[in-house]
Amino acid sequence: MKLTTKLLAATAIVSATGASATDLEVTHWWTSGGEAAAVAELAKAFDASGDHWIDGAIAGSGGTARPIMISRITGGDPMGATQFNHGQQALELVEAGLMLDLTDVAEENNWEEVIFPKSLLDACTVDGRVYCAPVNIHSPEWLWISNKVYEDLGLPVPQNWNEFVESAPAVREAGKVPLALGNQPWQASTAFGAIQVAVAGLENWQAVNMEQDLDVAAGDAYAAVFEAAAAARELAVGSNVQDWNQATNLVITDQAAGQIMGDWAQGEFAVAGEVAGEDYTCLPGLGLNAYLSTGGDAFYFPKLDDPEKEAAQKRLAALLVSPEVQVAFNLKKGSLPIRGDVDLSEANDCMQKGLELLASGNVMPSGDMLWTPDTQKQVEDLMVEFWMSDMPAAEAHERWVDILSMD
């Protein structure tokens, strides 16, 4: 295996050197400790191939970074490659003819056969042509729990959301915050999305998000979702941090009992030296409905008026999907690989849970693939208002249904 990897690396170096090594600026919003460790693996692999990764990290999460990236592309100052989430975020740029067609790269590297699930490549495809390279599968429906908080209380570690809520008074009495939640707008939406799956169940979630059944959206199952979100809002009182990784750190340092956050939180636990299953517990689907949404990250390549840079863009696209890079990157990121033929025997307990769910087919598309960016933004704004106020659950529920009806 090591010999094969070395041979592949040597071949890549010869190939890139022969084609003239090229600098490419790559923009992304991976700036936390775990994210930085993961993106360093991408840069290291690209540099080792003979080209050069110029890092263009933009702090402040995707909500801050995407408008900057889009403005540069539409304003005539494109980067070599840029991160977006799978789905519709870059669709208008593709339709405007501003993104490089990667179909030849996809065909040469057999992406249609190796990328799993197929929805990831479908999300990169417009009118039969491929415009992005998916790099990971991220699912936001996880509850992360500090084991030590419960050990100190003499209580068993909760195994689902209901048990977690029941434990909250004891946690609060001990001077801890039951639920860590940062003030970035998308974090409230992430928590709400996870509660949807956990409380409403997959069948109701599919009816609303895939079939756009507004009767189900307005019904009792989702009334229960909003009541659960209101309860979570109370649990988060006292969580006075901004960034998501600061909220994760409250769990790592045992100041908070838990956090609803995507599997990217694993990268922060890893950097802190925490061991899955010993120092912390991870519950996909909040322990109630163990399903994962198959969203994640992909790289798009803006069109450049430079044949050498275009060739380097295509080399990078192929490299991102290669088995070696998939393993190195995703082990650091805490995300799942976008191909099923790689060796992840070194994955920790939490990543193994995700791999088992992926293999079993307990997956669903992410909201980024199902709702327009405008609808997602309106829901995000509503969630911010809901979580930062005492808005009644019923009022938030009604307004949410109104937003969906306009999609």
Protein backbone atom coordinates (compact mmCIF):
# COMPACT_ATOMS: atom_id res chain seq x y z
CA MET A 1 0.00 0.00 0.00
CA LYS A 2 2.82 2.39 0.94
CA LEU A 3 4.70 1.48 -2.23
CA THR A 4 1.61 2.12 -4.34
CA THR A 5 1.11 5.51 -2.71
CA LYS A 6 4.73 6.47 -3.34
CA LEU A 7 4.49 5.41 -6.98
CA LEU A 8 1.31 7.44 -7.44
CA ALA A 9 2.93 10.46 -5.82
CA ALA A 10 6.00 10.13 -8.03
CA THR A 11 3.84 9.83 -11.13
CA ALA A 12 1.89 12.94 -10.11
CA ILE A 13 5.08 14.94 -9.63
CA VAL A 14 6.44 13.92 -13.04
CA SER A 15 3.11 14.71 -14.68
CA ALA A 16 2.77 18.13 -13.09
CA THR A 17 6.40 19.05 -13.68
CA GLY A 18 6.17 18.06 -17.30
CA ALA A 19 3.09 20.20 -17.72
CA SER A 20 4.77 23.23 -16.08
CA ALA A 21 4.12 23.81 -12.38
CA THR A 22 1.57 26.53 -11.71
CA ASP A 23 0.41 28.66 -8.77
CA LEU A 24 -3.31 28.53 -8.01
CA GLU A 25 -5.10 30.66 -5.44
CA VAL A 26 -7.72 28.57 -3.61
CA THR A 27 -10.41 30.34 -1.56
CA HIS A 28 -12.35 28.65 1.24
CA TRP A 29 -13.77 29.33 4.72
CA TRP A 30 -11.92 26.63 6.67
CA THR A 31 -10.20 28.57 9.46
CA SER A 32 -10.78 26.69 12.74
CA GLY A 33 -8.06 24.46 14.16
CA GLY A 34 -9.50 21.23 12.80
CA GLU A 35 -10.39 22.78 9.46
CA ALA A 36 -6.94 24.30 9.03
CA ALA A 37 -5.34 20.90 9.70
CA ALA A 38 -7.56 19.34 7.04
CA VAL A 39 -7.04 21.96 4.34
CA ALA A 40 -3.28 21.70 4.94
CA GLU A 41 -3.53 18.12 3.63
CA LEU A 42 -4.98 19.41 0.35
CA ALA A 43 -2.29 22.03 0.01
CA LYS A 44 0.46 19.52 0.84
CA ALA A 45 -0.78 17.08 -1.82
CA PHE A 46 -1.06 19.79 -4.49
CA ASP A 47 2.40 21.13 -3.71
CA ALA A 48 3.85 17.60 -3.76
CA SER A 49 2.42 17.13 -7.25
CA GLY A 50 4.61 19.95 -8.52
CA ASP A 51 2.06 22.77 -8.55
CA HIS A 52 1.58 25.33 -5.76
CA TRP A 53 -1.46 25.99 -3.56
CA ILE A 54 -1.83 29.66 -2.61
CA ASP A 55 -4.16 29.68 0.36
CA GLY A 56 -7.03 32.17 0.28
CA ALA A 57 -8.82 31.41 3.55
CA ILE A 58 -11.67 33.78 4.43
CA ALA A 59 -12.62 33.89 8.11
CA GLY A 60 -16.22 34.02 9.25
CA SER A 61 -17.87 30.88 7.83
CA GLY A 62 -19.60 30.34 4.49
CA GLY A 63 -22.14 33.09 5.00
CA THR A 64 -19.33 35.63 5.10
CA ALA A 65 -17.09 34.02 2.50
CA ARG A 66 -19.55 33.20 -0.29
CA PRO A 67 -20.53 36.80 -1.15
CA ILE A 68 -16.82 37.71 -1.33
CA MET A 69 -16.08 34.76 -3.59
CA ILE A 70 -19.05 35.47 -5.85
CA SER A 71 -18.17 39.17 -6.05
CA ARG A 72 -14.63 38.37 -7.15
CA ILE A 73 -15.79 35.92 -9.81
CA THR A 74 -18.46 38.20 -11.25
CA GLY A 75 -16.21 41.25 -10.91
CA GLY A 76 -13.42 39.89 -13.08
CA ASP A 77 -10.99 38.87 -10.34
CA PRO A 78 -11.47 35.10 -10.22
CA MET A 79 -9.41 32.76 -8.08
CA GLY A 80 -8.09 29.42 -9.31
CA ALA A 81 -10.50 27.34 -7.26
CA THR A 82 -13.13 28.03 -4.65
CA GLN A 83 -15.15 26.10 -2.11
CA PHE A 84 -18.94 25.97 -2.17
CA ASN A 85 -21.37 23.54 -0.59
CA HIS A 86 -22.96 20.87 -2.75
CA GLY A 87 -26.16 22.13 -4.28
CA GLN A 88 -27.39 25.37 -5.78
CA GLN A 89 -24.94 27.90 -4.33
CA ALA A 90 -22.92 28.18 -7.54
CA LEU A 91 -25.70 27.40 -10.02
CA GLU A 92 -26.11 30.97 -11.28
CA LEU A 93 -22.35 31.24 -11.81
CA VAL A 94 -22.40 28.04 -13.86
CA GLU A 95 -25.40 29.20 -15.87
CA ALA A 96 -23.61 32.51 -16.54
CA GLY A 97 -20.72 30.60 -18.11
CA LEU A 98 -18.22 31.63 -15.42
CA MET A 99 -17.20 28.15 -14.24
CA LEU A 100 -14.83 25.68 -15.88
CA ASP A 101 -16.37 22.52 -17.36
CA LEU A 102 -14.74 19.50 -15.67
CA THR A 103 -16.54 16.80 -17.62
CA ASP A 104 -13.32 15.56 -19.25
CA VAL A 105 -11.68 15.23 -15.81
CA ALA A 106 -14.71 13.38 -14.45
CA GLU A 107 -14.72 10.95 -17.38
CA GLU A 108 -10.96 10.33 -17.34
CA ASN A 109 -11.06 9.56 -13.60
CA ASN A 110 -14.29 7.55 -13.67
CA TRP A 111 -16.09 9.82 -11.18
CA GLU A 112 -19.48 8.41 -12.13
CA GLU A 113 -18.41 5.00 -10.83
CA VAL A 114 -16.34 5.98 -7.76
CA ILE A 115 -18.27 8.92 -6.24
CA PHE A 116 -20.87 7.76 -3.71
CA PRO A 117 -23.65 8.55 -3.19
CA LYS A 118 -24.47 9.50 -6.76
CA SER A 119 -26.35 12.61 -5.58
CA LEU A 120 -22.99 14.29 -4.89
CA LEU A 121 -21.94 14.17 -8.54
CA ASP A 122 -25.50 15.02 -9.60
CA ALA A 123 -25.20 18.20 -7.51
CA CYS A 124 -22.12 19.13 -9.57
CA THR A 125 -23.86 18.45 -12.87
CA VAL A 126 -25.75 21.01 -14.94
CA ASP A 127 -27.27 20.04 -18.30
CA GLY A 128 -25.19 16.87 -18.36
CA ARG A 129 -21.86 18.62 -17.75
CA VAL A 130 -19.78 18.40 -14.54
CA TYR A 131 -18.67 21.67 -12.95
CA CYS A 132 -17.28 20.78 -9.53
CA ALA A 133 -15.20 18.25 -7.63
CA PRO A 134 -16.87 17.03 -4.42
CA VAL A 135 -14.41 16.50 -1.56
CA ASN A 136 -16.44 15.28 1.40
CA ILE A 137 -19.79 14.35 2.89
CA HIS A 138 -20.82 16.48 5.83
CA SER A 139 -23.89 15.83 7.93
CA PRO A 140 -25.14 18.39 10.46
CA GLU A 141 -27.46 16.11 12.46
CA TRP A 142 -25.16 15.25 15.39
CA LEU A 143 -25.28 15.78 19.14
CA TRP A 144 -21.82 16.02 20.75
CA ILE A 145 -21.68 15.36 24.50
CA SER A 146 -19.00 15.89 27.15
CA ASN A 147 -18.71 12.61 29.04
CA LYS A 148 -16.95 14.27 31.98
CA VAL A 149 -19.87 16.60 32.68
CA TYR A 150 -22.04 13.56 33.33
CA GLU A 151 -19.33 11.63 35.16
CA ASP A 152 -18.96 14.56 37.57
CA LEU A 153 -22.74 14.61 38.09
CA GLY A 154 -22.85 10.86 38.64
CA LEU A 155 -25.31 10.51 35.78
CA PRO A 156 -25.22 8.23 32.73
CA VAL A 157 -24.27 9.92 29.49
CA PRO A 158 -27.49 10.61 27.51
CA GLN A 159 -28.01 8.36 24.50
CA ASN A 160 -30.63 10.51 22.74
CA TRP A 161 -32.07 14.01 22.64
CA ASN A 162 -34.91 13.23 25.06
CA GLU A 163 -32.49 12.00 27.72
CA PHE A 164 -30.29 15.02 27.09
CA VAL A 165 -33.21 17.39 27.69
CA GLU A 166 -34.19 15.51 30.85
CA SER A 167 -30.65 15.90 32.21
CA ALA A 168 -30.56 19.66 31.61
CA PRO A 169 -31.81 20.81 35.06
CA ALA A 170 -29.04 18.86 36.81
CA VAL A 171 -26.47 20.25 34.39
CA ARG A 172 -27.71 23.79 34.96
CA GLU A 173 -27.70 23.34 38.74
CA ALA A 174 -24.04 22.27 38.52
CA GLY A 175 -23.19 25.61 36.90
CA LYS A 176 -22.80 24.24 33.38
CA VAL A 177 -24.50 25.30 30.15
CA PRO A 178 -26.71 22.44 28.91
CA LEU A 179 -26.43 23.31 25.21
CA ALA A 180 -23.56 25.21 23.58
CA LEU A 181 -24.70 27.40 20.68
CA GLY A 182 -22.77 30.19 18.96
CA ASN A 183 -24.33 33.37 17.63
CA GLN A 184 -23.51 32.90 13.95
CA PRO A 185 -26.84 32.78 12.07
CA TRP A 186 -26.23 29.43 10.36
CA GLN A 187 -25.74 27.69 13.71
CA ALA A 188 -29.37 28.26 14.66
CA SER A 189 -30.45 26.88 11.28
CA THR A 190 -28.19 23.86 11.73
CA ALA A 191 -29.69 23.10 15.14
CA PHE A 192 -33.21 23.46 13.74
CA GLY A 193 -32.41 21.15 10.82
CA ALA A 194 -31.06 18.47 13.14
CA ILE A 195 -34.13 18.73 15.37
CA GLN A 196 -36.33 18.34 12.29
CA VAL A 197 -34.86 14.94 11.46
CA ALA A 198 -34.74 13.77 15.07
CA VAL A 199 -38.23 14.80 16.15
CA ALA A 200 -40.34 14.70 12.97
CA GLY A 201 -38.71 11.54 11.61
CA LEU A 202 -37.45 10.74 8.15
CA GLU A 203 -40.82 10.16 6.49
CA ASN A 204 -42.16 13.58 7.53
CA TRP A 205 -38.83 15.22 6.71
CA GLN A 206 -38.94 13.75 3.19
CA ALA A 207 -42.55 14.84 2.70
CA VAL A 208 -41.67 18.44 3.52
CA ASN A 209 -38.20 18.81 2.04
CA MET A 210 -38.35 16.50 -0.97
CA GLU A 211 -42.04 16.56 -1.88
CA GLN A 212 -42.71 20.09 -0.53
CA ASP A 213 -45.89 18.88 1.17
CA LEU A 214 -47.04 22.00 3.02
CA ASP A 215 -49.83 20.11 4.80
CA VAL A 216 -47.22 18.00 6.57
CA ALA A 217 -45.14 21.12 7.19
CA ALA A 218 -48.09 22.77 8.90
CA GLY A 219 -49.15 19.64 10.81
CA ASP A 220 -48.59 18.14 14.24
CA ALA A 221 -45.22 16.53 13.48
CA TYR A 222 -43.65 19.88 12.78
CA ALA A 223 -45.50 21.58 15.62
CA ALA A 224 -43.56 19.14 17.82
CA VAL A 225 -40.34 20.16 16.05
CA PHE A 226 -40.88 23.80 16.93
CA GLU A 227 -41.73 22.95 20.52
CA ALA A 228 -38.47 20.97 20.71
CA ALA A 229 -36.60 23.93 19.22
CA ALA A 230 -38.11 26.20 21.87
CA ALA A 231 -36.88 23.79 24.55
CA ALA A 232 -33.41 23.80 22.97
CA ARG A 233 -33.47 27.59 23.01
CA GLU A 234 -33.87 27.50 26.79
CA LEU A 235 -31.02 25.00 27.13
CA ALA A 236 -28.70 27.35 25.23
CA VAL A 237 -29.18 30.30 27.60
CA GLY A 238 -25.74 31.28 28.90
CA SER A 239 -23.84 30.06 25.84
CA ASN A 240 -22.27 33.42 25.16
CA VAL A 241 -19.90 32.68 22.28
CA GLN A 242 -19.88 33.64 18.62
CA ASP A 243 -18.14 31.06 16.42
CA TRP A 244 -19.18 27.42 16.13
CA ASN A 245 -15.76 26.15 17.16
CA GLN A 246 -15.91 28.31 20.30
CA ALA A 247 -19.15 26.53 21.15
CA THR A 248 -17.47 23.19 20.46
CA ASN A 249 -14.68 24.24 22.80
CA LEU A 250 -17.22 24.70 25.60
CA VAL A 251 -17.98 20.98 25.25
CA ILE A 252 -14.30 20.03 24.94
CA THR A 253 -13.46 21.96 28.13
CA ASP A 254 -16.52 20.52 29.94
CA GLN A 255 -18.16 23.92 30.39
CA ALA A 256 -21.18 22.76 28.39
CA ALA A 257 -22.89 19.39 28.33
CA GLY A 258 -23.42 19.20 24.59
CA GLN A 259 -23.69 20.85 21.20
CA ILE A 260 -25.78 20.24 18.10
CA MET A 261 -23.25 20.55 15.29
CA GLY A 262 -22.12 18.87 12.12
CA ASP A 263 -19.54 16.12 11.98
CA TRP A 264 -16.87 18.74 11.30
CA ALA A 265 -16.80 19.21 15.09
CA GLN A 266 -14.70 16.03 15.15
CA GLY A 267 -11.75 17.99 13.83
CA GLU A 268 -11.82 20.25 16.90
CA PHE A 269 -12.00 17.29 19.30
CA ALA A 270 -9.06 15.69 17.47
CA VAL A 271 -6.88 18.82 17.67
CA ALA A 272 -7.64 18.99 21.41
CA GLY A 273 -6.51 15.38 21.86
CA GLU A 274 -9.97 14.14 22.81
CA VAL A 275 -10.81 10.48 22.17
CA ALA A 276 -14.19 9.52 20.69
CA GLY A 277 -16.13 7.19 22.96
CA GLU A 278 -13.98 8.04 25.95
CA ASP A 279 -13.90 11.82 26.33
CA TYR A 280 -16.99 12.56 24.29
CA THR A 281 -20.05 10.86 22.85
CA CYS A 282 -21.48 11.49 19.38
CA LEU A 283 -25.11 10.80 18.47
CA PRO A 284 -26.12 10.96 14.79
CA GLY A 285 -29.70 12.06 14.33
CA LEU A 286 -29.53 13.24 17.97
CA GLY A 287 -29.85 9.57 18.90
CA LEU A 288 -33.51 9.47 17.84
CA ASN A 289 -33.37 8.95 14.07
CA ALA A 290 -29.92 7.89 12.91
CA TYR A 291 -29.92 9.27 9.40
CA LEU A 292 -27.34 11.49 7.74
CA SER A 293 -27.86 14.16 5.14
CA THR A 294 -25.31 13.93 2.36
CA GLY A 295 -24.32 17.55 1.99
CA GLY A 296 -20.75 18.71 2.11
CA ASP A 297 -18.15 20.67 0.23
CA ALA A 298 -17.05 20.84 -3.38
CA PHE A 299 -14.54 22.90 -5.32
CA TYR A 300 -15.49 24.89 -8.38
CA PHE A 301 -12.97 26.35 -10.81
CA PRO A 302 -13.71 29.80 -12.27
CA LYS A 303 -12.80 30.24 -15.92
CA LEU A 304 -9.37 31.82 -16.37
CA ASP A 305 -7.88 33.27 -19.54
CA ASP A 306 -4.69 31.25 -19.14
CA PRO A 307 -4.22 27.75 -20.62
CA GLU A 308 -1.51 26.80 -18.10
CA LYS A 309 -3.69 27.74 -15.14
CA GLU A 310 -6.66 25.88 -16.65
CA ALA A 311 -4.50 22.76 -16.93
CA ALA A 312 -3.49 23.18 -13.27
CA GLN A 313 -7.14 23.59 -12.29
CA LYS A 314 -7.94 20.26 -13.87
CA ARG A 315 -4.96 18.62 -12.17
CA LEU A 316 -6.21 19.91 -8.82
CA ALA A 317 -9.76 18.71 -9.51
CA ALA A 318 -8.50 15.19 -10.21
CA LEU A 319 -6.24 15.26 -7.14
CA LEU A 320 -9.08 16.24 -4.78
CA VAL A 321 -11.04 13.10 -5.67
CA SER A 322 -8.02 10.77 -5.60
CA PRO A 323 -8.06 8.01 -2.94
CA GLU A 324 -4.95 9.19 -1.08
CA VAL A 325 -6.16 12.77 -0.74
CA GLN A 326 -9.65 11.64 0.23
CA VAL A 327 -8.24 9.64 3.15
CA ALA A 328 -5.76 12.25 4.38
CA PHE A 329 -8.23 15.13 4.16
CA ASN A 330 -11.31 13.48 5.63
CA LEU A 331 -9.51 11.88 8.57
CA LYS A 332 -8.50 15.40 9.64
CA LYS A 333 -11.79 17.08 8.71
CA GLY A 334 -14.07 14.60 10.48
CA SER A 335 -16.14 14.25 7.33
CA LEU A 336 -16.84 11.16 5.25
CA PRO A 337 -15.10 10.50 1.91
CA ILE A 338 -16.99 10.85 -1.36
CA ARG A 339 -15.82 7.46 -2.58
CA GLY A 340 -16.36 4.05 -1.02
CA ASP A 341 -13.17 2.35 -2.21
CA VAL A 342 -10.75 3.94 0.29
CA ASP A 343 -9.18 2.54 3.45
CA LEU A 344 -10.54 4.28 6.56
CA SER A 345 -9.45 1.72 9.13
CA GLU A 346 -7.91 4.57 11.14
CA ALA A 347 -11.27 6.34 11.50
CA ASN A 348 -12.44 6.96 15.08
CA ASP A 349 -15.66 5.69 16.66
CA CYS A 350 -17.73 8.65 15.50
CA MET A 351 -16.52 8.48 11.92
CA GLN A 352 -17.20 4.74 11.94
CA LYS A 353 -20.82 5.47 12.94
CA GLY A 354 -21.13 7.76 9.94
CA LEU A 355 -19.57 5.19 7.61
CA GLU A 356 -21.99 2.52 8.85
CA LEU A 357 -24.98 4.79 8.20
CA LEU A 358 -23.64 5.64 4.75
CA ALA A 359 -23.12 1.97 3.90
CA SER A 360 -26.59 1.05 5.17
CA GLY A 361 -28.25 3.65 2.95
CA ASN A 362 -29.60 5.70 5.87
CA VAL A 363 -28.96 8.94 4.01
CA MET A 364 -30.90 11.82 2.56
CA PRO A 365 -30.01 14.85 0.44
CA SER A 366 -29.11 18.08 2.20
CA GLY A 367 -31.28 21.17 2.22
CA ASP A 368 -28.73 22.91 -0.02
CA MET A 369 -29.77 20.51 -2.78
CA LEU A 370 -33.53 20.91 -2.25
CA TRP A 371 -34.33 24.55 -1.47
CA THR A 372 -33.27 27.72 -3.27
CA PRO A 373 -30.62 29.94 -1.64
CA ASP A 374 -33.31 32.59 -1.10
CA THR A 375 -35.56 30.19 0.83
CA GLN A 376 -32.61 28.97 2.90
CA LYS A 377 -31.64 32.56 3.74
CA GLN A 378 -35.18 33.42 4.83
CA VAL A 379 -35.35 30.33 7.05
CA GLU A 380 -31.96 31.22 8.51
CA ASP A 381 -33.17 34.75 9.29
CA LEU A 382 -36.29 33.35 10.95
CA MET A 383 -34.24 30.95 13.05
CA VAL A 384 -31.96 33.77 14.23
CA GLU A 385 -34.97 35.81 15.27
CA PHE A 386 -36.55 32.79 16.98
CA TRP A 387 -33.45 31.74 18.91
CA MET A 388 -32.61 35.31 19.97
CA SER A 389 -36.09 36.16 21.25
CA ASP A 390 -39.05 34.69 23.09
CA MET A 391 -41.05 34.18 19.89
CA PRO A 392 -43.70 31.50 20.53
CA ALA A 393 -43.11 28.18 18.82
CA ALA A 394 -46.49 28.37 17.07
CA GLU A 395 -45.68 31.76 15.55
CA ALA A 396 -42.31 30.59 14.26
CA HIS A 397 -43.96 27.47 12.84
CA GLU A 398 -46.54 29.50 10.93
CA ARG A 399 -43.94 31.88 9.51
CA TRP A 400 -41.73 28.95 8.46
CA VAL A 401 -44.57 27.38 6.48
CA ASP A 402 -45.20 30.72 4.77
CA ILE A 403 -41.54 30.89 3.69
CA LEU A 404 -41.61 27.37 2.25
CA SER A 405 -44.80 28.12 0.34
CA MET A 406 -42.98 30.83 -1.65
CA ASP A 407 -40.16 28.56 -2.88
